[in-house]
All heavy atoms as atom14 arrays in JSON, in Angstrom:
{
  "sequence": "VVIIGTFFFSISNVGEEFCVKKKDSVEVVSMIGLFGVLVTMIEIP",
  "atom14_mask": [
    [1, 1, 1, 1, 1, 1, 1, 0, 0, 0, 0, 0, 0, 0],
    [1, 1, 1, 1, 1, 1, 1, 0, 0, 0, 0, 0, 0, 0],
    [1, 1, 1, 1, 1, 1, 1, 1, 0, 0, 0, 0, 0, 0],
    [1, 1, 1, 1, 1, 1, 1, 1, 0, 0, 0, 0, 0, 0],
    [1, 1, 1, 1, 0, 0, 0, 0, 0, 0, 0, 0, 0, 0],
    [1, 1, 1, 1, 1, 1, 1, 0, 0, 0, 0, 0, 0, 0],
    [1, 1, 1, 1, 1, 1, 1, 1, 1, 1, 1, 0, 0, 0],
    [1, 1, 1, 1, 1, 1, 1, 1, 1, 1, 1, 0, 0, 0],
    [1, 1, 1, 1, 1, 1, 1, 1, 1, 1, 1, 0, 0, 0],
    [1, 1, 1, 1, 1, 1, 0, 0, 0, 0, 0, 0, 0, 0],
    [1, 1, 1, 1, 1, 1, 1, 1, 0, 0, 0, 0, 0, 0],
    [1, 1, 1, 1, 1, 1, 0, 0, 0, 0, 0, 0, 0, 0],
    [1, 1, 1, 1, 1, 1, 1, 1, 0, 0, 0, 0, 0, 0],
    [1, 1, 1, 1, 1, 1, 1, 0, 0, 0, 0, 0, 0, 0],
    [1, 1, 1, 1, 0, 0, 0, 0, 0, 0, 0, 0, 0, 0],
    [1, 1, 1, 1, 1, 1, 1, 1, 1, 0, 0, 0, 0, 0],
    [1, 1, 1, 1, 1, 1, 1, 1, 1, 0, 0, 0, 0, 0],
    [1, 1, 1, 1, 1, 1, 1, 1, 1, 1, 1, 0, 0, 0],
    [1, 1, 1, 1, 1, 1, 0, 0, 0, 0, 0, 0, 0, 0],
    [1, 1, 1, 1, 1, 1, 1, 0, 0, 0, 0, 0, 0, 0],
    [1, 1, 1, 1, 1, 1, 1, 1, 1, 0, 0, 0, 0, 0],
    [1, 1, 1, 1, 1, 1, 1, 1, 1, 0, 0, 0, 0, 0],
    [1, 1, 1, 1, 1, 1, 1, 1, 1, 0, 0, 0, 0, 0],
    [1, 1, 1, 1, 1, 1, 1, 1, 0, 0, 0, 0, 0, 0],
    [1, 1, 1, 1, 1, 1, 0, 0, 0, 0, 0, 0, 0, 0],
    [1, 1, 1, 1, 1, 1, 1, 0, 0, 0, 0, 0, 0, 0],
    [1, 1, 1, 1, 1, 1, 1, 1, 1, 0, 0, 0, 0, 0],
    [1, 1, 1, 1, 1, 1, 1, 0, 0, 0, 0, 0, 0, 0],
    [1, 1, 1, 1, 1, 1, 1, 0, 0, 0, 0, 0, 0, 0],
    [1, 1, 1, 1, 1, 1, 0, 0, 0, 0, 0, 0, 0, 0],
    [1, 1, 1, 1, 1, 1, 1, 1, 0, 0, 0, 0, 0, 0],
    [1, 1, 1, 1, 1, 1, 1, 1, 0, 0, 0, 0, 0, 0],
    [1, 1, 1, 1, 0, 0, 0, 0, 0, 0, 0, 0, 0, 0],
    [1, 1, 1, 1, 1, 1, 1, 1, 0, 0, 0, 0, 0, 0],
    [1, 1, 1, 1, 1, 1, 1, 1, 1, 1, 1, 0, 0, 0],
    [1, 1, 1, 1, 0, 0, 0, 0, 0, 0, 0, 0, 0, 0],
    [1, 1, 1, 1, 1, 1, 1, 0, 0, 0, 0, 0, 0, 0],
    [1, 1, 1, 1, 1, 1, 1, 1, 0, 0, 0, 0, 0, 0],
    [1, 1, 1, 1, 1, 1, 1, 0, 0, 0, 0, 0, 0, 0],
    [1, 1, 1, 1, 1, 1, 1, 0, 0, 0, 0, 0, 0, 0],
    [1, 1, 1, 1, 1, 1, 1, 1, 0, 0, 0, 0, 0, 0],
    [1, 1, 1, 1, 1, 1, 1, 1, 0, 0, 0, 0, 0, 0],
    [1, 1, 1, 1, 1, 1, 1, 1, 1, 0, 0, 0, 0, 0],
    [1, 1, 1, 1, 1, 1, 1, 1, 0, 0, 0, 0, 0, 0],
    [1, 1, 1, 1, 1, 1, 1, 0, 0, 0, 0, 0, 0, 0]
  ],
  "atom14_positions": [
    [[-23.76, 103.41, 78.31], [-23.36, 102.1, 77.81], [-22.56, 102.22, 76.52], [-21.51, 101.59, 76.37], [-24.61, 101.21, 77.6], [-24.23, 99.92, 76.86], [-25.26, 100.87, 78.93], [0.0, 0.0, 0.0], [0.0, 0.0, 0.0], [0.0, 0.0, 0.0], [0.0, 0.0, 0.0], [0.0, 0.0, 0.0], [0.0, 0.0, 0.0], [0.0, 0.0, 0.0]],
    [[-23.02, 103.04, 75.58], [-22.33, 103.15, 74.3], [-20.98, 103.85, 74.45], [-20.0, 103.5, 73.77], [-23.21, 103.88, 73.26], [-23.33, 105.34, 73.55], [-22.64, 103.66, 71.86], [0.0, 0.0, 0.0], [0.0, 0.0, 0.0], [0.0, 0.0, 0.0], [0.0, 0.0, 0.0], [0.0, 0.0, 0.0], [0.0, 0.0, 0.0], [0.0, 0.0, 0.0]],
    [[-20.87, 104.82, 75.35], [-19.59, 105.51, 75.54], [-18.56, 104.56, 76.14], [-17.38, 104.56, 75.75], [-19.79, 106.76, 76.43], [-20.55, 107.83, 75.65], [-18.44, 107.3, 76.9], [-20.94, 109.05, 76.48], [0.0, 0.0, 0.0], [0.0, 0.0, 0.0], [0.0, 0.0, 0.0], [0.0, 0.0, 0.0], [0.0, 0.0, 0.0], [0.0, 0.0, 0.0]],
    [[-18.98, 103.72, 77.09], [-18.07, 102.71, 77.64], [-17.69, 101.72, 76.54], [-16.53, 101.29, 76.44], [-18.72, 101.97, 78.82], [-18.97, 102.94, 79.98], [-17.82, 100.83, 79.31], [-19.72, 102.32, 81.15], [0.0, 0.0, 0.0], [0.0, 0.0, 0.0], [0.0, 0.0, 0.0], [0.0, 0.0, 0.0], [0.0, 0.0, 0.0], [0.0, 0.0, 0.0]],
    [[-18.66, 101.37, 75.69], [-18.38, 100.46, 74.59], [-17.35, 101.02, 73.62], [-16.48, 100.3, 73.13], [0.0, 0.0, 0.0], [0.0, 0.0, 0.0], [0.0, 0.0, 0.0], [0.0, 0.0, 0.0], [0.0, 0.0, 0.0], [0.0, 0.0, 0.0], [0.0, 0.0, 0.0], [0.0, 0.0, 0.0], [0.0, 0.0, 0.0], [0.0, 0.0, 0.0]],
    [[-17.42, 102.32, 73.36], [-16.44, 102.92, 72.45], [-15.04, 102.9, 73.04], [-14.05, 102.89, 72.3], [-16.83, 104.37, 72.11], [-16.91, 105.15, 73.32], [-18.16, 104.42, 71.39], [0.0, 0.0, 0.0], [0.0, 0.0, 0.0], [0.0, 0.0, 0.0], [0.0, 0.0, 0.0], [0.0, 0.0, 0.0], [0.0, 0.0, 0.0], [0.0, 0.0, 0.0]],
    [[-14.93, 102.91, 74.37], [-13.61, 102.8, 74.99], [-12.97, 101.46, 74.64], [-11.79, 101.38, 74.28], [-13.73, 102.95, 76.51], [-12.44, 102.69, 77.24], [-11.4, 103.61, 77.19], [-12.27, 101.52, 77.96], [-10.21, 103.36, 77.86], [-11.08, 101.27, 78.63], [-10.05, 102.19, 78.59], [0.0, 0.0, 0.0], [0.0, 0.0, 0.0], [0.0, 0.0, 0.0]],
    [[-13.76, 100.38, 74.74], [-13.23, 99.07, 74.36], [-12.96, 99.0, 72.87], [-11.97, 98.38, 72.44], [-14.21, 97.97, 74.78], [-14.24, 97.7, 76.25], [-15.28, 98.18, 77.05], [-13.22, 96.98, 76.85], [-15.3, 97.93, 78.41], [-13.23, 96.73, 78.22], [-14.27, 97.22, 79.0], [0.0, 0.0, 0.0], [0.0, 0.0, 0.0], [0.0, 0.0, 0.0]],
    [[-13.8, 99.62, 72.06], [-13.56, 99.66, 70.63], [-12.24, 100.37, 70.3], [-11.52, 99.97, 69.39], [-14.71, 100.37, 69.91], [-15.79, 99.45, 69.44], [-17.11, 99.84, 69.49], [-15.49, 98.19, 68.93], [-18.13, 99.0, 69.06], [-16.49, 97.34, 68.49], [-17.8, 97.74, 68.56], [0.0, 0.0, 0.0], [0.0, 0.0, 0.0], [0.0, 0.0, 0.0]],
    [[-11.95, 101.43, 71.05], [-10.71, 102.18, 70.79], [-9.49, 101.31, 71.05], [-8.5, 101.36, 70.31], [-10.67, 103.44, 71.65], [-10.56, 103.12, 73.03], [0.0, 0.0, 0.0], [0.0, 0.0, 0.0], [0.0, 0.0, 0.0], [0.0, 0.0, 0.0], [0.0, 0.0, 0.0], [0.0, 0.0, 0.0], [0.0, 0.0, 0.0], [0.0, 0.0, 0.0]],
    [[-9.56, 100.48, 72.11], [-8.45, 99.56, 72.39], [-8.29, 98.59, 71.23], [-7.17, 98.34, 70.74], [-8.71, 98.79, 73.69], [-8.75, 99.75, 74.88], [-7.63, 97.72, 73.92], [-9.11, 99.08, 76.2], [0.0, 0.0, 0.0], [0.0, 0.0, 0.0], [0.0, 0.0, 0.0], [0.0, 0.0, 0.0], [0.0, 0.0, 0.0], [0.0, 0.0, 0.0]],
    [[-9.4, 98.04, 70.77], [-9.37, 97.09, 69.67], [-8.9, 97.75, 68.37], [-8.07, 97.19, 67.64], [-10.76, 96.48, 69.46], [-10.79, 95.63, 68.33], [0.0, 0.0, 0.0], [0.0, 0.0, 0.0], [0.0, 0.0, 0.0], [0.0, 0.0, 0.0], [0.0, 0.0, 0.0], [0.0, 0.0, 0.0], [0.0, 0.0, 0.0], [0.0, 0.0, 0.0]],
    [[-9.38, 98.95, 68.08], [-9.04, 99.62, 66.83], [-7.57, 100.02, 66.78], [-6.92, 99.85, 65.74], [-9.92, 100.86, 66.65], [-11.36, 100.51, 66.37], [-11.68, 99.38, 66.03], [-12.25, 101.48, 66.51], [0.0, 0.0, 0.0], [0.0, 0.0, 0.0], [0.0, 0.0, 0.0], [0.0, 0.0, 0.0], [0.0, 0.0, 0.0], [0.0, 0.0, 0.0]],
    [[-7.06, 100.56, 67.88], [-5.65, 100.96, 67.9], [-4.75, 99.73, 67.72], [-3.8, 99.74, 66.93], [-5.31, 101.68, 69.22], [-3.8, 101.85, 69.37], [-6.0, 103.04, 69.27], [0.0, 0.0, 0.0], [0.0, 0.0, 0.0], [0.0, 0.0, 0.0], [0.0, 0.0, 0.0], [0.0, 0.0, 0.0], [0.0, 0.0, 0.0], [0.0, 0.0, 0.0]],
    [[-5.06, 98.66, 68.44], [-4.26, 97.44, 68.3], [-4.36, 96.83, 66.92], [-3.35, 96.4, 66.34], [0.0, 0.0, 0.0], [0.0, 0.0, 0.0], [0.0, 0.0, 0.0], [0.0, 0.0, 0.0], [0.0, 0.0, 0.0], [0.0, 0.0, 0.0], [0.0, 0.0, 0.0], [0.0, 0.0, 0.0], [0.0, 0.0, 0.0], [0.0, 0.0, 0.0]],
    [[-5.55, 96.82, 66.34], [-5.73, 96.23, 65.02], [-5.01, 97.05, 63.95], [-4.38, 96.5, 63.05], [-7.21, 96.14, 64.67], [-7.48, 95.48, 63.32], [-8.94, 95.38, 62.99], [-9.78, 95.78, 63.84], [-9.27, 94.9, 61.89], [0.0, 0.0, 0.0], [0.0, 0.0, 0.0], [0.0, 0.0, 0.0], [0.0, 0.0, 0.0], [0.0, 0.0, 0.0]],
    [[-5.09, 98.38, 64.05], [-4.42, 99.21, 63.05], [-2.91, 99.01, 63.08], [-2.27, 98.89, 62.04], [-4.75, 100.69, 63.29], [-4.11, 101.61, 62.26], [-4.5, 103.07, 62.45], [-5.4, 103.33, 63.27], [-3.9, 103.92, 61.79], [0.0, 0.0, 0.0], [0.0, 0.0, 0.0], [0.0, 0.0, 0.0], [0.0, 0.0, 0.0], [0.0, 0.0, 0.0]],
    [[-2.32, 98.96, 64.26], [-0.88, 98.73, 64.37], [-0.51, 97.37, 63.8], [0.5, 97.23, 63.11], [-0.43, 98.84, 65.83], [-0.34, 100.25, 66.33], [-0.5, 100.53, 67.67], [-0.11, 101.3, 65.46], [-0.41, 101.84, 68.15], [-0.03, 102.6, 65.91], [-0.19, 102.87, 67.26], [0.0, 0.0, 0.0], [0.0, 0.0, 0.0], [0.0, 0.0, 0.0]],
    [[-1.32, 96.37, 64.08], [-1.0, 95.02, 63.64], [-1.11, 94.85, 62.13], [-0.25, 94.24, 61.5], [-1.9, 94.0, 64.34], [-1.54, 93.77, 66.1], [0.0, 0.0, 0.0], [0.0, 0.0, 0.0], [0.0, 0.0, 0.0], [0.0, 0.0, 0.0], [0.0, 0.0, 0.0], [0.0, 0.0, 0.0], [0.0, 0.0, 0.0], [0.0, 0.0, 0.0]],
    [[-2.17, 95.38, 61.52], [-2.35, 95.18, 60.08], [-1.33, 95.96, 59.27], [-0.98, 95.58, 58.15], [-3.77, 95.56, 59.63], [-4.81, 94.7, 60.3], [-4.07, 97.04, 59.86], [0.0, 0.0, 0.0], [0.0, 0.0, 0.0], [0.0, 0.0, 0.0], [0.0, 0.0, 0.0], [0.0, 0.0, 0.0], [0.0, 0.0, 0.0], [0.0, 0.0, 0.0]],
    [[-0.81, 97.06, 59.83], [0.19, 97.83, 59.11], [1.58, 97.22, 59.21], [2.41, 97.42, 58.32], [0.22, 99.28, 59.64], [-0.95, 100.12, 59.18], [-0.8, 101.56, 59.61], [-1.91, 102.42, 59.03], [-1.78, 103.84, 59.42], [0.0, 0.0, 0.0], [0.0, 0.0, 0.0], [0.0, 0.0, 0.0], [0.0, 0.0, 0.0], [0.0, 0.0, 0.0]],
    [[1.83, 96.48, 60.27], [3.15, 95.9, 60.47], [3.19, 94.39, 60.27], [4.24, 93.83, 59.98], [3.64, 96.22, 61.9], [3.83, 97.7, 62.17], [4.93, 98.3, 61.31], [5.15, 99.77, 61.62], [6.24, 100.37, 60.82], [0.0, 0.0, 0.0], [0.0, 0.0, 0.0], [0.0, 0.0, 0.0], [0.0, 0.0, 0.0], [0.0, 0.0, 0.0]],
    [[2.05, 93.73, 60.42], [2.02, 92.27, 60.34], [1.04, 91.83, 59.26], [0.82, 92.53, 58.28], [1.65, 91.68, 61.71], [2.58, 92.13, 62.84], [4.02, 91.69, 62.61], [4.93, 92.18, 63.74], [6.35, 91.8, 63.52], [0.0, 0.0, 0.0], [0.0, 0.0, 0.0], [0.0, 0.0, 0.0], [0.0, 0.0, 0.0], [0.0, 0.0, 0.0]],
    [[0.42, 90.66, 59.44], [-0.43, 90.04, 58.43], [-1.9, 90.27, 58.74], [-2.38, 89.96, 59.83], [-0.13, 88.54, 58.39], [-0.95, 87.82, 57.33], [-1.17, 88.43, 56.26], [-1.37, 86.69, 57.57], [0.0, 0.0, 0.0], [0.0, 0.0, 0.0], [0.0, 0.0, 0.0], [0.0, 0.0, 0.0], [0.0, 0.0, 0.0], [0.0, 0.0, 0.0]],
    [[-2.64, 90.79, 57.75], [-4.05, 91.11, 57.96], [-4.88, 89.85, 58.21], [-5.78, 89.85, 59.06], [-4.61, 91.86, 56.74], [-3.94, 93.08, 56.55], [0.0, 0.0, 0.0], [0.0, 0.0, 0.0], [0.0, 0.0, 0.0], [0.0, 0.0, 0.0], [0.0, 0.0, 0.0], [0.0, 0.0, 0.0], [0.0, 0.0, 0.0], [0.0, 0.0, 0.0]],
    [[-4.61, 88.79, 57.48], [-5.36, 87.55, 57.65], [-5.17, 87.01, 59.05], [-6.12, 86.55, 59.7], [-4.93, 86.5, 56.61], [-5.58, 85.15, 56.9], [-5.29, 86.97, 55.21], [0.0, 0.0, 0.0], [0.0, 0.0, 0.0], [0.0, 0.0, 0.0], [0.0, 0.0, 0.0], [0.0, 0.0, 0.0], [0.0, 0.0, 0.0], [0.0, 0.0, 0.0]],
    [[-3.94, 87.06, 59.56], [-3.68, 86.59, 60.92], [-4.44, 87.43, 61.94], [-5.05, 86.88, 62.88], [-2.18, 86.68, 61.21], [-1.81, 86.28, 62.64], [-0.32, 86.37, 62.91], [0.43, 85.68, 62.2], [0.08, 87.13, 63.82], [0.0, 0.0, 0.0], [0.0, 0.0, 0.0], [0.0, 0.0, 0.0], [0.0, 0.0, 0.0], [0.0, 0.0, 0.0]],
    [[-4.45, 88.75, 61.77], [-5.13, 89.63, 62.72], [-6.62, 89.32, 62.77], [-7.21, 89.14, 63.85], [-4.9, 91.11, 62.35], [-5.73, 92.02, 63.25], [-3.42, 91.46, 62.46], [0.0, 0.0, 0.0], [0.0, 0.0, 0.0], [0.0, 0.0, 0.0], [0.0, 0.0, 0.0], [0.0, 0.0, 0.0], [0.0, 0.0, 0.0], [0.0, 0.0, 0.0]],
    [[-7.27, 89.24, 61.59], [-8.72, 89.01, 61.55], [-9.07, 87.62, 62.08], [-10.04, 87.45, 62.82], [-9.25, 89.19, 60.11], [-10.74, 88.86, 60.05], [-9.0, 90.61, 59.62], [0.0, 0.0, 0.0], [0.0, 0.0, 0.0], [0.0, 0.0, 0.0], [0.0, 0.0, 0.0], [0.0, 0.0, 0.0], [0.0, 0.0, 0.0], [0.0, 0.0, 0.0]],
    [[-8.27, 86.62, 61.72], [-8.56, 85.26, 62.18], [-8.41, 85.13, 63.69], [-9.21, 84.46, 64.35], [-7.64, 84.25, 61.48], [-6.28, 84.46, 61.85], [0.0, 0.0, 0.0], [0.0, 0.0, 0.0], [0.0, 0.0, 0.0], [0.0, 0.0, 0.0], [0.0, 0.0, 0.0], [0.0, 0.0, 0.0], [0.0, 0.0, 0.0], [0.0, 0.0, 0.0]],
    [[-7.41, 85.79, 64.27], [-7.21, 85.71, 65.71], [-8.27, 86.5, 66.48], [-8.7, 86.08, 67.56], [-5.8, 86.22, 66.08], [-4.67, 85.31, 65.64], [-4.73, 83.67, 66.45], [-5.43, 82.67, 65.12], [0.0, 0.0, 0.0], [0.0, 0.0, 0.0], [0.0, 0.0, 0.0], [0.0, 0.0, 0.0], [0.0, 0.0, 0.0], [0.0, 0.0, 0.0]],
    [[-8.7, 87.63, 65.93], [-9.8, 88.36, 66.57], [-11.06, 87.5, 66.55], [-11.81, 87.45, 67.53], [-10.05, 89.7, 65.86], [-8.89, 90.67, 66.14], [-11.37, 90.32, 66.31], [-9.02, 92.01, 65.45], [0.0, 0.0, 0.0], [0.0, 0.0, 0.0], [0.0, 0.0, 0.0], [0.0, 0.0, 0.0], [0.0, 0.0, 0.0], [0.0, 0.0, 0.0]],
    [[-11.29, 86.81, 65.43], [-12.44, 85.91, 65.35], [-12.34, 84.76, 66.33], [-13.31, 84.43, 67.02], [0.0, 0.0, 0.0], [0.0, 0.0, 0.0], [0.0, 0.0, 0.0], [0.0, 0.0, 0.0], [0.0, 0.0, 0.0], [0.0, 0.0, 0.0], [0.0, 0.0, 0.0], [0.0, 0.0, 0.0], [0.0, 0.0, 0.0], [0.0, 0.0, 0.0]],
    [[-11.16, 84.14, 66.43], [-10.97, 83.0, 67.32], [-11.19, 83.38, 68.78], [-11.96, 82.73, 69.5], [-9.57, 82.42, 67.14], [-9.17, 81.31, 68.1], [-10.1, 80.11, 67.95], [-7.71, 80.9, 67.88], [0.0, 0.0, 0.0], [0.0, 0.0, 0.0], [0.0, 0.0, 0.0], [0.0, 0.0, 0.0], [0.0, 0.0, 0.0], [0.0, 0.0, 0.0]],
    [[-10.52, 84.44, 69.22], [-10.65, 84.83, 70.63], [-12.01, 85.47, 70.89], [-12.51, 85.43, 72.03], [-9.52, 85.77, 71.02], [-8.2, 85.07, 71.2], [-7.2, 85.16, 70.24], [-7.97, 84.29, 72.33], [-6.0, 84.5, 70.4], [-6.77, 83.63, 72.5], [-5.78, 83.73, 71.53], [0.0, 0.0, 0.0], [0.0, 0.0, 0.0], [0.0, 0.0, 0.0]],
    [[-12.63, 86.04, 69.84], [-13.99, 86.53, 69.99], [-14.96, 85.41, 70.28], [-15.85, 85.53, 71.12], [0.0, 0.0, 0.0], [0.0, 0.0, 0.0], [0.0, 0.0, 0.0], [0.0, 0.0, 0.0], [0.0, 0.0, 0.0], [0.0, 0.0, 0.0], [0.0, 0.0, 0.0], [0.0, 0.0, 0.0], [0.0, 0.0, 0.0], [0.0, 0.0, 0.0]],
    [[-14.77, 84.28, 69.59], [-15.61, 83.09, 69.83], [-15.42, 82.58, 71.25], [-16.39, 82.27, 71.96], [-15.29, 81.98, 68.8], [-15.97, 80.67, 69.21], [-15.75, 82.39, 67.42], [0.0, 0.0, 0.0], [0.0, 0.0, 0.0], [0.0, 0.0, 0.0], [0.0, 0.0, 0.0], [0.0, 0.0, 0.0], [0.0, 0.0, 0.0], [0.0, 0.0, 0.0]],
    [[-14.17, 82.47, 71.68], [-13.88, 81.94, 73.01], [-14.47, 82.83, 74.11], [-15.06, 82.32, 75.08], [-12.36, 81.81, 73.2], [-11.65, 80.81, 72.29], [-10.14, 80.84, 72.54], [-12.2, 79.41, 72.5], [0.0, 0.0, 0.0], [0.0, 0.0, 0.0], [0.0, 0.0, 0.0], [0.0, 0.0, 0.0], [0.0, 0.0, 0.0], [0.0, 0.0, 0.0]],
    [[-14.33, 84.14, 73.98], [-14.83, 85.06, 74.99], [-16.35, 85.02, 75.04], [-16.95, 84.97, 76.13], [-14.34, 86.49, 74.73], [-15.01, 87.48, 75.69], [-12.82, 86.58, 74.89], [0.0, 0.0, 0.0], [0.0, 0.0, 0.0], [0.0, 0.0, 0.0], [0.0, 0.0, 0.0], [0.0, 0.0, 0.0], [0.0, 0.0, 0.0], [0.0, 0.0, 0.0]],
    [[-17.01, 85.03, 73.88], [-18.47, 85.01, 73.87], [-19.01, 83.69, 74.4], [-20.06, 83.66, 75.06], [-19.02, 85.25, 72.44], [-18.4, 84.34, 71.52], [-18.76, 86.67, 72.0], [0.0, 0.0, 0.0], [0.0, 0.0, 0.0], [0.0, 0.0, 0.0], [0.0, 0.0, 0.0], [0.0, 0.0, 0.0], [0.0, 0.0, 0.0], [0.0, 0.0, 0.0]],
    [[-18.32, 82.58, 74.14], [-18.75, 81.29, 74.66], [-18.7, 81.26, 76.19], [-19.5, 80.58, 76.83], [-17.88, 80.16, 74.09], [-18.15, 79.85, 72.63], [-17.07, 78.54, 71.99], [-17.62, 77.15, 73.0], [0.0, 0.0, 0.0], [0.0, 0.0, 0.0], [0.0, 0.0, 0.0], [0.0, 0.0, 0.0], [0.0, 0.0, 0.0], [0.0, 0.0, 0.0]],
    [[-17.77, 81.99, 76.77], [-17.67, 82.07, 78.23], [-18.73, 83.0, 78.8], [-19.34, 82.7, 79.83], [-16.25, 82.55, 78.64], [-15.2, 81.51, 78.24], [-16.19, 82.81, 80.14], [-13.78, 81.96, 78.45], [0.0, 0.0, 0.0], [0.0, 0.0, 0.0], [0.0, 0.0, 0.0], [0.0, 0.0, 0.0], [0.0, 0.0, 0.0], [0.0, 0.0, 0.0]],
    [[-18.98, 84.13, 78.12], [-19.85, 85.15, 78.68], [-21.34, 84.89, 78.43], [-22.17, 85.3, 79.25], [-19.48, 86.52, 78.11], [-18.11, 87.0, 78.56], [-17.83, 88.42, 78.12], [-18.64, 88.97, 77.32], [-16.82, 89.0, 78.56], [0.0, 0.0, 0.0], [0.0, 0.0, 0.0], [0.0, 0.0, 0.0], [0.0, 0.0, 0.0], [0.0, 0.0, 0.0]],
    [[-21.69, 84.22, 77.33], [-23.1, 83.99, 77.02], [-23.83, 83.22, 78.11], [-24.92, 83.62, 78.54], [-23.25, 83.29, 75.65], [-22.96, 84.29, 74.52], [-24.66, 82.72, 75.47], [-22.98, 83.67, 73.14], [0.0, 0.0, 0.0], [0.0, 0.0, 0.0], [0.0, 0.0, 0.0], [0.0, 0.0, 0.0], [0.0, 0.0, 0.0], [0.0, 0.0, 0.0]],
    [[-23.28, 82.09, 78.61], [-23.99, 81.37, 79.7], [-24.14, 82.2, 80.96], [-25.08, 82.0, 81.73], [-23.1, 80.14, 79.95], [-22.32, 79.97, 78.69], [-22.08, 81.36, 78.18], [0.0, 0.0, 0.0], [0.0, 0.0, 0.0], [0.0, 0.0, 0.0], [0.0, 0.0, 0.0], [0.0, 0.0, 0.0], [0.0, 0.0, 0.0], [0.0, 0.0, 0.0]]
  ]
}
């Protein structure tokens, strides 16, 4: 379970690193939070 989880983390980490170095950090964190809320609201039920 944790090894599969790290695969998804790697996708998130690579994308976040590229975005914060080239774009706006506040935008990156806020959008991860927003879509994180939406995804968890769908999956929790």
